[in-house]
Amino acid sequence: MNDLVFVDSTFDKNKSKEYKLSIRVSSGGFSFSILDENKQCLALARFKAFNENSVAESLNSFKELIRNNELLNLTYHSVSILWVSNESILIPNEFFTEEFAFESYQLCHSLNSTQELQWNEMKHFNSKNVFAIPLDFKDLLTQHFSELQFFHHSTPFYNSAVQEEISDTHPNVFVNIQKEYFHMIIPDRNGKHFINSFHYQEDADLVYYILNVYKQQKLNNERSKLIVDGLVQDESKSIQLLKKYLAKVDVRLLPSKLRIKNEIPHKEYNQFINLLNLSECE
């Protein structure tokens, strides 16, 4: 239990069938949250890395971590898996078929027999977010949890961004930063959203790509606000660099309706935003 950020005093394992379990997992590790029926956070587990010497060792590490965690062996109202990767594509519903999804995905990313395509309905975009998950991880999870849903970790990010108030003249720019890559969306009132992902190695790379998008999209550096979340803090080097060129740079905090422990600094929750916002996608 020492990997838990907190467990709320109201948590009752005998009422777990009323709770929602969300697990954020990648090939490198996982974390999880438990929300009650009012979407209040009752438990939050920090990121736990797998043994990454091989895929087999990662899977065995994951299996043992699940088996040895009491909270992950309770029965829940629902279980959602947030798969973390930089590989996904949006396909408009009017064009979507399974065959088209396979063909389109392979134009952008590699797909082999050890992976399976999944997709999430993006109602605000009238599209589907298509992504691949390794079958080994899927099988492990489906064997342990009787019923679950898979989501790509960009799904709650895009959905929450597009629900913000949209300006016609100086639109907000949303960025979700992960290790070595980030997602970006500029919502548009007419549905012509700018959406892209970028790989980066250093903070300077990340800043360059963001500023280049501002230039290409003809955004005003003084008026269009940059809203950042994910693996980032206010004092991060990338944020300090961005503030030299952009007048409005905000590091997004968790939605106020998600209850958290007051004694834990709010900024410590930034990395969990997509995980906790996942409840809005269900």
C-alpha atoms as a PDB file:
ATOM      1  CA  MET A   1       0.000   0.000   0.000  1.00  0.00           C
ATOM      2  CA  ASN A   2       3.014   2.338   0.190  1.00  0.00           C
ATOM      3  CA  ASP A   3       2.503   3.163  -3.503  1.00  0.00           C
ATOM      4  CA  LEU A   4      -0.770   4.902  -2.741  1.00  0.00           C
ATOM      5  CA  VAL A   5      -0.905   8.685  -2.856  1.00  0.00           C
ATOM      6  CA  PHE A   6      -3.919   8.476  -0.564  1.00  0.00           C
ATOM      7  CA  VAL A   7      -7.047   6.535   0.377  1.00  0.00           C
ATOM      8  CA  ASP A   8      -9.924   8.711   1.524  1.00  0.00           C
ATOM      9  CA  SER A   9     -11.396   8.055   4.963  1.00  0.00           C
ATOM     10  CA  THR A  10     -14.796   7.413   3.351  1.00  0.00           C
ATOM     11  CA  PHE A  11     -13.469   4.530   1.248  1.00  0.00           C
ATOM     12  CA  ASP A  12     -15.272   1.287   2.134  1.00  0.00           C
ATOM     13  CA  LYS A  13     -14.071  -1.878   0.441  1.00  0.00           C
ATOM     14  CA  ASN A  14     -17.454  -3.466   1.172  1.00  0.00           C
ATOM     15  CA  LYS A  15     -19.009  -0.854  -1.142  1.00  0.00           C
ATOM     16  CA  SER A  16     -16.532  -1.344  -3.982  1.00  0.00           C
ATOM     17  CA  LYS A  17     -19.347  -2.464  -6.311  1.00  0.00           C
ATOM     18  CA  GLU A  18     -20.509   1.168  -6.232  1.00  0.00           C
ATOM     19  CA  TYR A  19     -17.089   2.531  -7.233  1.00  0.00           C
ATOM     20  CA  LYS A  20     -15.328   3.044 -10.551  1.00  0.00           C
ATOM     21  CA  LEU A  21     -11.766   1.813 -11.021  1.00  0.00           C
ATOM     22  CA  SER A  22      -9.583   3.469 -13.686  1.00  0.00           C
ATOM     23  CA  ILE A  23      -6.115   2.152 -14.513  1.00  0.00           C
ATOM     24  CA  ARG A  24      -3.580   4.160 -16.515  1.00  0.00           C
ATOM     25  CA  VAL A  25      -1.150   1.701 -18.081  1.00  0.00           C
ATOM     26  CA  SER A  26       1.657   1.694 -20.617  1.00  0.00           C
ATOM     27  CA  SER A  27       4.388  -0.753 -21.523  1.00  0.00           C
ATOM     28  CA  GLY A  28       6.485   0.899 -18.790  1.00  0.00           C
ATOM     29  CA  GLY A  29       4.194   0.970 -15.751  1.00  0.00           C
ATOM     30  CA  PHE A  30       0.800   1.883 -14.327  1.00  0.00           C
ATOM     31  CA  SER A  31      -1.167   3.933 -11.812  1.00  0.00           C
ATOM     32  CA  PHE A  32      -4.840   3.867 -10.851  1.00  0.00           C
ATOM     33  CA  SER A  33      -7.679   5.797  -9.258  1.00  0.00           C
ATOM     34  CA  ILE A  34     -10.965   4.876  -7.609  1.00  0.00           C
ATOM     35  CA  LEU A  35     -13.955   7.220  -7.861  1.00  0.00           C
ATOM     36  CA  ASP A  36     -17.304   6.989  -6.142  1.00  0.00           C
ATOM     37  CA  GLU A  37     -20.678   7.365  -7.850  1.00  0.00           C
ATOM     38  CA  ASN A  38     -20.386  11.174  -7.531  1.00  0.00           C
ATOM     39  CA  LYS A  39     -17.000  11.112  -9.325  1.00  0.00           C
ATOM     40  CA  GLN A  40     -15.136  12.032  -6.154  1.00  0.00           C
ATOM     41  CA  CYS A  41     -11.671  10.513  -5.909  1.00  0.00           C
ATOM     42  CA  LEU A  42     -11.454   7.999  -3.056  1.00  0.00           C
ATOM     43  CA  ALA A  43      -8.066   6.456  -3.813  1.00  0.00           C
ATOM     44  CA  LEU A  44      -5.108   7.301  -6.016  1.00  0.00           C
ATOM     45  CA  ALA A  45      -1.985   5.222  -6.665  1.00  0.00           C
ATOM     46  CA  ARG A  46       1.215   6.783  -7.958  1.00  0.00           C
ATOM     47  CA  PHE A  47       3.026   5.465 -11.032  1.00  0.00           C
ATOM     48  CA  LYS A  48       4.649   2.068 -10.513  1.00  0.00           C
ATOM     49  CA  ALA A  49       7.269   1.073 -13.076  1.00  0.00           C
ATOM     50  CA  PHE A  50       7.520  -2.417 -14.529  1.00  0.00           C
ATOM     51  CA  ASN A  51      10.684  -4.413 -14.952  1.00  0.00           C
ATOM     52  CA  GLU A  52      11.369  -3.504 -18.584  1.00  0.00           C
ATOM     53  CA  ASN A  53      14.197  -5.897 -19.464  1.00  0.00           C
ATOM     54  CA  SER A  54      11.745  -7.672 -21.771  1.00  0.00           C
ATOM     55  CA  VAL A  55       8.039  -7.669 -22.636  1.00  0.00           C
ATOM     56  CA  ALA A  56       7.620 -10.963 -20.762  1.00  0.00           C
ATOM     57  CA  GLU A  57       9.205  -9.499 -17.632  1.00  0.00           C
ATOM     58  CA  SER A  58       7.038  -6.389 -17.877  1.00  0.00           C
ATOM     59  CA  LEU A  59       3.922  -8.548 -18.073  1.00  0.00           C
ATOM     60  CA  ASN A  60       5.012 -10.724 -15.163  1.00  0.00           C
ATOM     61  CA  SER A  61       5.795  -7.602 -13.149  1.00  0.00           C
ATOM     62  CA  PHE A  62       2.361  -6.167 -13.957  1.00  0.00           C
ATOM     63  CA  LYS A  63       0.643  -9.437 -13.052  1.00  0.00           C
ATOM     64  CA  GLU A  64       2.357  -9.602  -9.660  1.00  0.00           C
ATOM     65  CA  LEU A  65       1.638  -5.962  -8.886  1.00  0.00           C
ATOM     66  CA  ILE A  66      -2.073  -6.504  -9.591  1.00  0.00           C
ATOM     67  CA  ARG A  67      -2.259  -9.729  -7.598  1.00  0.00           C
ATOM     68  CA  ASN A  68      -0.526  -8.203  -4.582  1.00  0.00           C
ATOM     69  CA  ASN A  69      -2.627  -5.039  -4.427  1.00  0.00           C
ATOM     70  CA  GLU A  70      -5.712  -5.450  -2.270  1.00  0.00           C
ATOM     71  CA  LEU A  71      -7.608  -2.632  -3.971  1.00  0.00           C
ATOM     72  CA  LEU A  72      -7.127  -4.176  -7.407  1.00  0.00           C
ATOM     73  CA  ASN A  73      -8.716  -7.418  -6.259  1.00  0.00           C
ATOM     74  CA  LEU A  74     -12.059  -5.978  -5.248  1.00  0.00           C
ATOM     75  CA  THR A  75     -15.178  -6.036  -7.430  1.00  0.00           C
ATOM     76  CA  TYR A  76     -16.101  -2.674  -8.983  1.00  0.00           C
ATOM     77  CA  HIS A  77     -19.101  -1.138 -10.700  1.00  0.00           C
ATOM     78  CA  SER A  78     -16.906  -0.522 -13.731  1.00  0.00           C
ATOM     79  CA  VAL A  79     -13.261  -0.878 -14.741  1.00  0.00           C
ATOM     80  CA  SER A  80     -11.671   1.385 -17.360  1.00  0.00           C
ATOM     81  CA  ILE A  81      -8.204   1.018 -18.844  1.00  0.00           C
ATOM     82  CA  LEU A  82      -6.406   4.126 -20.084  1.00  0.00           C
ATOM     83  CA  TRP A  83      -3.729   2.966 -22.527  1.00  0.00           C
ATOM     84  CA  VAL A  84      -0.801   5.378 -22.839  1.00  0.00           C
ATOM     85  CA  SER A  85       0.938   5.700 -26.204  1.00  0.00           C
ATOM     86  CA  ASN A  86       1.598   8.289 -28.879  1.00  0.00           C
ATOM     87  CA  GLU A  87      -0.138   6.258 -31.566  1.00  0.00           C
ATOM     88  CA  SER A  88      -3.761   6.976 -32.359  1.00  0.00           C
ATOM     89  CA  ILE A  89      -5.801   8.468 -35.191  1.00  0.00           C
ATOM     90  CA  LEU A  90      -9.171  10.211 -35.407  1.00  0.00           C
ATOM     91  CA  ILE A  91     -11.582   8.909 -38.062  1.00  0.00           C
ATOM     92  CA  PRO A  92     -14.870  10.747 -38.811  1.00  0.00           C
ATOM     93  CA  ASN A  93     -17.910   8.569 -38.162  1.00  0.00           C
ATOM     94  CA  GLU A  94     -19.167   9.071 -41.710  1.00  0.00           C
ATOM     95  CA  PHE A  95     -16.118   7.184 -43.034  1.00  0.00           C
ATOM     96  CA  PHE A  96     -15.655   4.698 -40.211  1.00  0.00           C
ATOM     97  CA  THR A  97     -15.718   0.955 -40.776  1.00  0.00           C
ATOM     98  CA  GLU A  98     -13.477  -1.666 -39.172  1.00  0.00           C
ATOM     99  CA  GLU A  99     -11.756  -2.258 -42.512  1.00  0.00           C
ATOM    100  CA  PHE A 100     -11.181   1.464 -43.039  1.00  0.00           C
ATOM    101  CA  ALA A 101      -9.860   1.784 -39.472  1.00  0.00           C
ATOM    102  CA  PHE A 102      -7.255  -0.946 -40.087  1.00  0.00           C
ATOM    103  CA  GLU A 103      -6.163   0.548 -43.391  1.00  0.00           C
ATOM    104  CA  SER A 104      -5.998   4.114 -42.067  1.00  0.00           C
ATOM    105  CA  TYR A 105      -4.166   3.206 -38.883  1.00  0.00           C
ATOM    106  CA  GLN A 106      -1.462   1.339 -40.784  1.00  0.00           C
ATOM    107  CA  LEU A 107      -0.860   4.380 -42.988  1.00  0.00           C
ATOM    108  CA  CYS A 108       0.218   6.289 -39.876  1.00  0.00           C
ATOM    109  CA  HIS A 109       1.537   3.638 -37.465  1.00  0.00           C
ATOM    110  CA  SER A 110       2.813   0.092 -37.469  1.00  0.00           C
ATOM    111  CA  LEU A 111       0.378  -2.666 -36.573  1.00  0.00           C
ATOM    112  CA  ASN A 112       1.265  -6.321 -36.162  1.00  0.00           C
ATOM    113  CA  SER A 113      -0.328  -9.591 -35.062  1.00  0.00           C
ATOM    114  CA  THR A 114       0.589  -8.957 -31.412  1.00  0.00           C
ATOM    115  CA  GLN A 115      -1.692  -5.907 -31.263  1.00  0.00           C
ATOM    116  CA  GLU A 116      -5.411  -5.322 -31.443  1.00  0.00           C
ATOM    117  CA  LEU A 117      -7.193  -2.172 -32.573  1.00  0.00           C
ATOM    118  CA  GLN A 118      -9.586  -0.431 -30.205  1.00  0.00           C
ATOM    119  CA  TRP A 119     -11.573   2.771 -30.661  1.00  0.00           C
ATOM    120  CA  ASN A 120     -13.382   5.305 -28.516  1.00  0.00           C
ATOM    121  CA  GLU A 121     -16.440   7.270 -29.516  1.00  0.00           C
ATOM    122  CA  MET A 122     -15.635  10.993 -29.597  1.00  0.00           C
ATOM    123  CA  LYS A 123     -19.110  12.504 -29.519  1.00  0.00           C
ATOM    124  CA  HIS A 124     -17.890  16.104 -29.554  1.00  0.00           C
ATOM    125  CA  PHE A 125     -15.903  15.392 -32.720  1.00  0.00           C
ATOM    126  CA  ASN A 126     -18.373  13.037 -34.425  1.00  0.00           C
ATOM    127  CA  SER A 127     -15.361  10.746 -34.789  1.00  0.00           C
ATOM    128  CA  LYS A 128     -13.645   7.721 -33.314  1.00  0.00           C
ATOM    129  CA  ASN A 129     -10.223   7.710 -31.696  1.00  0.00           C
ATOM    130  CA  VAL A 130      -8.502   4.570 -33.001  1.00  0.00           C
ATOM    131  CA  PHE A 131      -5.491   3.031 -31.252  1.00  0.00           C
ATOM    132  CA  ALA A 132      -3.704  -0.287 -30.772  1.00  0.00           C
ATOM    133  CA  ILE A 133      -3.100  -2.175 -27.535  1.00  0.00           C
ATOM    134  CA  PRO A 134      -0.747  -5.172 -27.143  1.00  0.00           C
ATOM    135  CA  LEU A 135      -2.729  -8.396 -26.908  1.00  0.00           C
ATOM    136  CA  ASP A 136      -0.596  -9.629 -24.001  1.00  0.00           C
ATOM    137  CA  PHE A 137      -1.601  -6.657 -21.889  1.00  0.00           C
ATOM    138  CA  LYS A 138      -5.216  -6.873 -23.010  1.00  0.00           C
ATOM    139  CA  ASP A 139      -5.420 -10.586 -22.175  1.00  0.00           C
ATOM    140  CA  LEU A 140      -3.861 -10.076 -18.752  1.00  0.00           C
ATOM    141  CA  LEU A 141      -6.346  -7.342 -17.899  1.00  0.00           C
ATOM    142  CA  THR A 142      -9.432  -9.089 -19.264  1.00  0.00           C
ATOM    143  CA  GLN A 143      -8.531 -12.247 -17.342  1.00  0.00           C
ATOM    144  CA  HIS A 144      -8.192 -10.370 -14.068  1.00  0.00           C
ATOM    145  CA  PHE A 145     -11.188  -8.046 -14.470  1.00  0.00           C
ATOM    146  CA  SER A 146     -14.401  -9.608 -15.736  1.00  0.00           C
ATOM    147  CA  GLU A 147     -15.675  -6.530 -17.584  1.00  0.00           C
ATOM    148  CA  LEU A 148     -13.729  -3.477 -18.677  1.00  0.00           C
ATOM    149  CA  GLN A 149     -13.449  -0.746 -21.287  1.00  0.00           C
ATOM    150  CA  PHE A 150     -10.309   0.435 -23.056  1.00  0.00           C
ATOM    151  CA  PHE A 151      -9.559   4.093 -23.746  1.00  0.00           C
ATOM    152  CA  HIS A 152      -6.620   5.877 -25.315  1.00  0.00           C
ATOM    153  CA  HIS A 153      -5.113   8.399 -22.914  1.00  0.00           C
ATOM    154  CA  SER A 154      -5.652  11.244 -25.435  1.00  0.00           C
ATOM    155  CA  THR A 155      -9.422  10.642 -25.385  1.00  0.00           C
ATOM    156  CA  PRO A 156     -10.174  12.417 -22.070  1.00  0.00           C
ATOM    157  CA  PHE A 157      -7.670  15.160 -22.957  1.00  0.00           C
ATOM    158  CA  TYR A 158      -9.346  16.002 -26.281  1.00  0.00           C
ATOM    159  CA  ASN A 159     -12.848  15.674 -24.828  1.00  0.00           C
ATOM    160  CA  SER A 160     -12.159  18.004 -21.908  1.00  0.00           C
ATOM    161  CA  ALA A 161     -10.409  20.598 -24.111  1.00  0.00           C
ATOM    162  CA  VAL A 162     -13.232  20.874 -26.628  1.00  0.00           C
ATOM    163  CA  GLN A 163     -15.788  21.432 -23.850  1.00  0.00           C
ATOM    164  CA  GLU A 164     -14.060  24.637 -22.760  1.00  0.00           C
ATOM    165  CA  GLU A 165     -15.401  27.983 -23.938  1.00  0.00           C
ATOM    166  CA  ILE A 166     -14.132  28.612 -27.474  1.00  0.00           C
ATOM    167  CA  SER A 167     -13.088  32.076 -28.644  1.00  0.00           C
ATOM    168  CA  ASP A 168     -13.579  33.066 -32.276  1.00  0.00           C
ATOM    169  CA  THR A 169     -10.722  35.561 -32.280  1.00  0.00           C
ATOM    170  CA  HIS A 170      -8.053  34.207 -29.914  1.00  0.00           C
ATOM    171  CA  PRO A 171      -8.601  30.470 -29.320  1.00  0.00           C
ATOM    172  CA  ASN A 172      -6.980  28.641 -26.423  1.00  0.00           C
ATOM    173  CA  VAL A 173      -4.252  26.099 -27.152  1.00  0.00           C
ATOM    174  CA  PHE A 174      -4.255  22.898 -25.089  1.00  0.00           C
ATOM    175  CA  VAL A 175      -1.162  20.723 -24.627  1.00  0.00           C
ATOM    176  CA  ASN A 176      -0.842  17.427 -22.770  1.00  0.00           C
ATOM    177  CA  ILE A 177       2.809  16.604 -22.056  1.00  0.00           C
ATOM    178  CA  GLN A 178       4.035  13.034 -21.721  1.00  0.00           C
ATOM    179  CA  LYS A 179       7.539  11.636 -21.610  1.00  0.00           C
ATOM    180  CA  GLU A 180       9.134  12.248 -25.042  1.00  0.00           C
ATOM    181  CA  TYR A 181       5.929  13.399 -26.763  1.00  0.00           C
ATOM    182  CA  PHE A 182       2.937  15.694 -26.337  1.00  0.00           C
ATOM    183  CA  HIS A 183      -0.581  16.089 -27.735  1.00  0.00           C
ATOM    184  CA  MET A 184      -1.996  19.403 -28.870  1.00  0.00           C
ATOM    185  CA  ILE A 185      -5.475  20.645 -29.732  1.00  0.00           C
ATOM    186  CA  ILE A 186      -6.802  24.068 -30.723  1.00  0.00           C
ATOM    187  CA  PRO A 187     -10.607  23.835 -30.506  1.00  0.00           C
ATOM    188  CA  ASP A 188     -12.620  25.621 -33.171  1.00  0.00           C
ATOM    189  CA  ARG A 189     -16.229  26.750 -32.786  1.00  0.00           C
ATOM    190  CA  ASN A 190     -17.055  25.401 -36.272  1.00  0.00           C
ATOM    191  CA  GLY A 191     -15.553  21.998 -35.549  1.00  0.00           C
ATOM    192  CA  LYS A 192     -12.370  22.539 -37.580  1.00  0.00           C
ATOM    193  CA  HIS A 193     -10.089  21.641 -34.675  1.00  0.00           C
ATOM    194  CA  PHE A 194      -6.307  21.596 -35.004  1.00  0.00           C
ATOM    195  CA  ILE A 195      -5.067  18.289 -33.511  1.00  0.00           C
ATOM    196  CA  ASN A 196      -1.550  16.890 -33.626  1.00  0.00           C
ATOM    197  CA  SER A 197       1.132  15.076 -31.624  1.00  0.00           C
ATOM    198  CA  PHE A 198       4.873  15.752 -31.523  1.00  0.00           C
ATOM    199  CA  HIS A 199       7.947  13.859 -30.365  1.00  0.00           C
ATOM    200  CA  TYR A 200      10.552  15.832 -28.451  1.00  0.00           C
ATOM    201  CA  GLN A 201      13.854  15.110 -26.709  1.00  0.00           C
ATOM    202  CA  GLU A 202      14.574  18.315 -24.843  1.00  0.00           C
ATOM    203  CA  ASP A 203      12.549  21.185 -23.411  1.00  0.00           C
ATOM    204  CA  ALA A 204      13.787  23.425 -26.226  1.00  0.00           C
ATOM    205  CA  ASP A 205      12.280  21.018 -28.790  1.00  0.00           C
ATOM    206  CA  LEU A 206       8.901  21.115 -27.077  1.00  0.00           C
ATOM    207  CA  VAL A 207       8.927  24.914 -26.957  1.00  0.00           C
ATOM    208  CA  TYR A 208       9.959  25.143 -30.625  1.00  0.00           C
ATOM    209  CA  TYR A 209       7.080  22.946 -31.809  1.00  0.00           C
ATOM    210  CA  ILE A 210       4.506  24.876 -29.785  1.00  0.00           C
ATOM    211  CA  LEU A 211       5.742  28.261 -30.965  1.00  0.00           C
ATOM    212  CA  ASN A 212       5.836  27.010 -34.549  1.00  0.00           C
ATOM    213  CA  VAL A 213       2.177  25.984 -34.305  1.00  0.00           C
ATOM    214  CA  TYR A 214       1.329  29.454 -32.996  1.00  0.00           C
ATOM    215  CA  LYS A 215       3.089  30.901 -36.032  1.00  0.00           C
ATOM    216  CA  GLN A 216       1.551  28.522 -38.583  1.00  0.00           C
ATOM    217  CA  GLN A 217      -1.955  28.950 -37.174  1.00  0.00           C
ATOM    218  CA  LYS A 218      -1.453  32.741 -37.025  1.00  0.00           C
ATOM    219  CA  LEU A 219      -2.234  32.935 -33.325  1.00  0.00           C
ATOM    220  CA  ASN A 220      -1.502  36.024 -31.279  1.00  0.00           C
ATOM    221  CA  ASN A 221       1.276  35.297 -28.742  1.00  0.00           C
ATOM    222  CA  GLU A 222      -0.198  37.939 -26.422  1.00  0.00           C
ATOM    223  CA  ARG A 223      -3.848  36.851 -26.623  1.00  0.00           C
ATOM    224  CA  SER A 224      -4.138  33.086 -27.237  1.00  0.00           C
ATOM    225  CA  LYS A 225      -3.725  31.288 -23.918  1.00  0.00           C
ATOM    226  CA  LEU A 226      -1.609  28.118 -23.713  1.00  0.00           C
ATOM    227  CA  ILE A 227      -3.092  25.613 -21.240  1.00  0.00           C
ATOM    228  CA  VAL A 228      -0.727  22.790 -20.324  1.00  0.00           C
ATOM    229  CA  ASP A 229      -1.210  19.606 -18.299  1.00  0.00           C
ATOM    230  CA  GLY A 230       0.348  16.162 -17.871  1.00  0.00           C
ATOM    231  CA  LEU A 231       3.925  15.556 -16.744  1.00  0.00           C
ATOM    232  CA  VAL A 232       4.663  19.201 -16.041  1.00  0.00           C
ATOM    233  CA  GLN A 233       4.743  21.695 -13.180  1.00  0.00           C
ATOM    234  CA  ASP A 234       4.672  25.491 -13.019  1.00  0.00           C
ATOM    235  CA  GLU A 235       8.391  25.550 -12.291  1.00  0.00           C
ATOM    236  CA  SER A 236       9.294  23.157 -15.147  1.00  0.00           C
ATOM    237  CA  LYS A 237      11.976  24.439 -17.516  1.00  0.00           C
ATOM    238  CA  SER A 238       9.651  24.098 -20.508  1.00  0.00           C
ATOM    239  CA  ILE A 239       7.020  26.304 -18.841  1.00  0.00           C
ATOM    240  CA  GLN A 240       9.581  28.938 -17.918  1.00  0.00           C
ATOM    241  CA  LEU A 241      10.828  28.981 -21.520  1.00  0.00           C
ATOM    242  CA  LEU A 242       7.314  29.256 -22.929  1.00  0.00           C
ATOM    243  CA  LYS A 243       6.545  32.199 -20.646  1.00  0.00           C
ATOM    244  CA  LYS A 244       9.373  34.135 -22.308  1.00  0.00           C
ATOM    245  CA  TYR A 245       7.506  34.050 -25.621  1.00  0.00           C
ATOM    246  CA  LEU A 246       3.821  33.712 -24.704  1.00  0.00           C
ATOM    247  CA  ALA A 247       1.926  36.144 -22.492  1.00  0.00           C
ATOM    248  CA  LYS A 248      -0.604  33.620 -21.217  1.00  0.00           C
ATOM    249  CA  VAL A 249       0.668  30.217 -20.076  1.00  0.00           C
ATOM    250  CA  ASP A 250      -1.336  28.226 -17.508  1.00  0.00           C
ATOM    251  CA  VAL A 251      -0.595  24.828 -16.005  1.00  0.00           C
ATOM    252  CA  ARG A 252      -3.991  23.176 -15.698  1.00  0.00           C
ATOM    253  CA  LEU A 253      -5.148  21.851 -12.343  1.00  0.00           C
ATOM    254  CA  LEU A 254      -7.685  19.145 -11.643  1.00  0.00           C
ATOM    255  CA  PRO A 255     -11.387  19.952 -12.043  1.00  0.00           C
ATOM    256  CA  SER A 256     -12.722  21.359  -8.753  1.00  0.00           C
ATOM    257  CA  LYS A 257     -15.434  18.721  -8.564  1.00  0.00           C
ATOM    258  CA  LEU A 258     -12.830  16.006  -8.074  1.00  0.00           C
ATOM    259  CA  ARG A 259     -12.209  15.914  -4.352  1.00  0.00           C
ATOM    260  CA  ILE A 260      -8.584  15.510  -3.310  1.00  0.00           C
ATOM    261  CA  LYS A 261      -6.730  15.475  -0.021  1.00  0.00           C
ATOM    262  CA  ASN A 262      -6.048  19.051   1.064  1.00  0.00           C
ATOM    263  CA  GLU A 263      -2.696  18.229   2.622  1.00  0.00           C
ATOM    264  CA  ILE A 264      -1.295  17.096  -0.742  1.00  0.00           C
ATOM    265  CA  PRO A 265      -0.149  19.991  -2.994  1.00  0.00           C
ATOM    266  CA  HIS A 266      -2.584  20.445  -5.861  1.00  0.00           C
ATOM    267  CA  LYS A 267       0.215  20.448  -8.428  1.00  0.00           C
ATOM    268  CA  GLU A 268       1.134  16.875  -7.477  1.00  0.00           C
ATOM    269  CA  TYR A 269      -2.043  15.747  -9.227  1.00  0.00           C
ATOM    270  CA  ASN A 270      -1.188  17.198 -12.658  1.00  0.00           C
ATOM    271  CA  GLN A 271       0.124  13.873 -13.920  1.00  0.00           C
ATOM    272  CA  PHE A 272      -3.201  12.211 -13.083  1.00  0.00           C
ATOM    273  CA  ILE A 273      -5.483  14.615 -14.964  1.00  0.00           C
ATOM    274  CA  ASN A 274      -6.261  12.285 -17.897  1.00  0.00           C
ATOM    275  CA  LEU A 275      -6.787   9.373 -15.513  1.00  0.00           C
ATOM    276  CA  LEU A 276      -9.249  11.268 -13.325  1.00  0.00           C
ATOM    277  CA  ASN A 277     -10.969  12.916 -16.307  1.00  0.00           C
ATOM    278  CA  LEU A 278     -11.603   9.482 -17.770  1.00  0.00           C
ATOM    279  CA  SER A 279     -14.873   9.294 -15.844  1.00  0.00           C
ATOM    280  CA  GLU A 280     -16.211  11.985 -18.194  1.00  0.00           C
ATOM    281  CA  CYS A 281     -15.801   9.596 -21.153  1.00  0.00           C
ATOM    282  CA  GLU A 282     -17.860   6.752 -19.753  1.00  0.00           C
END
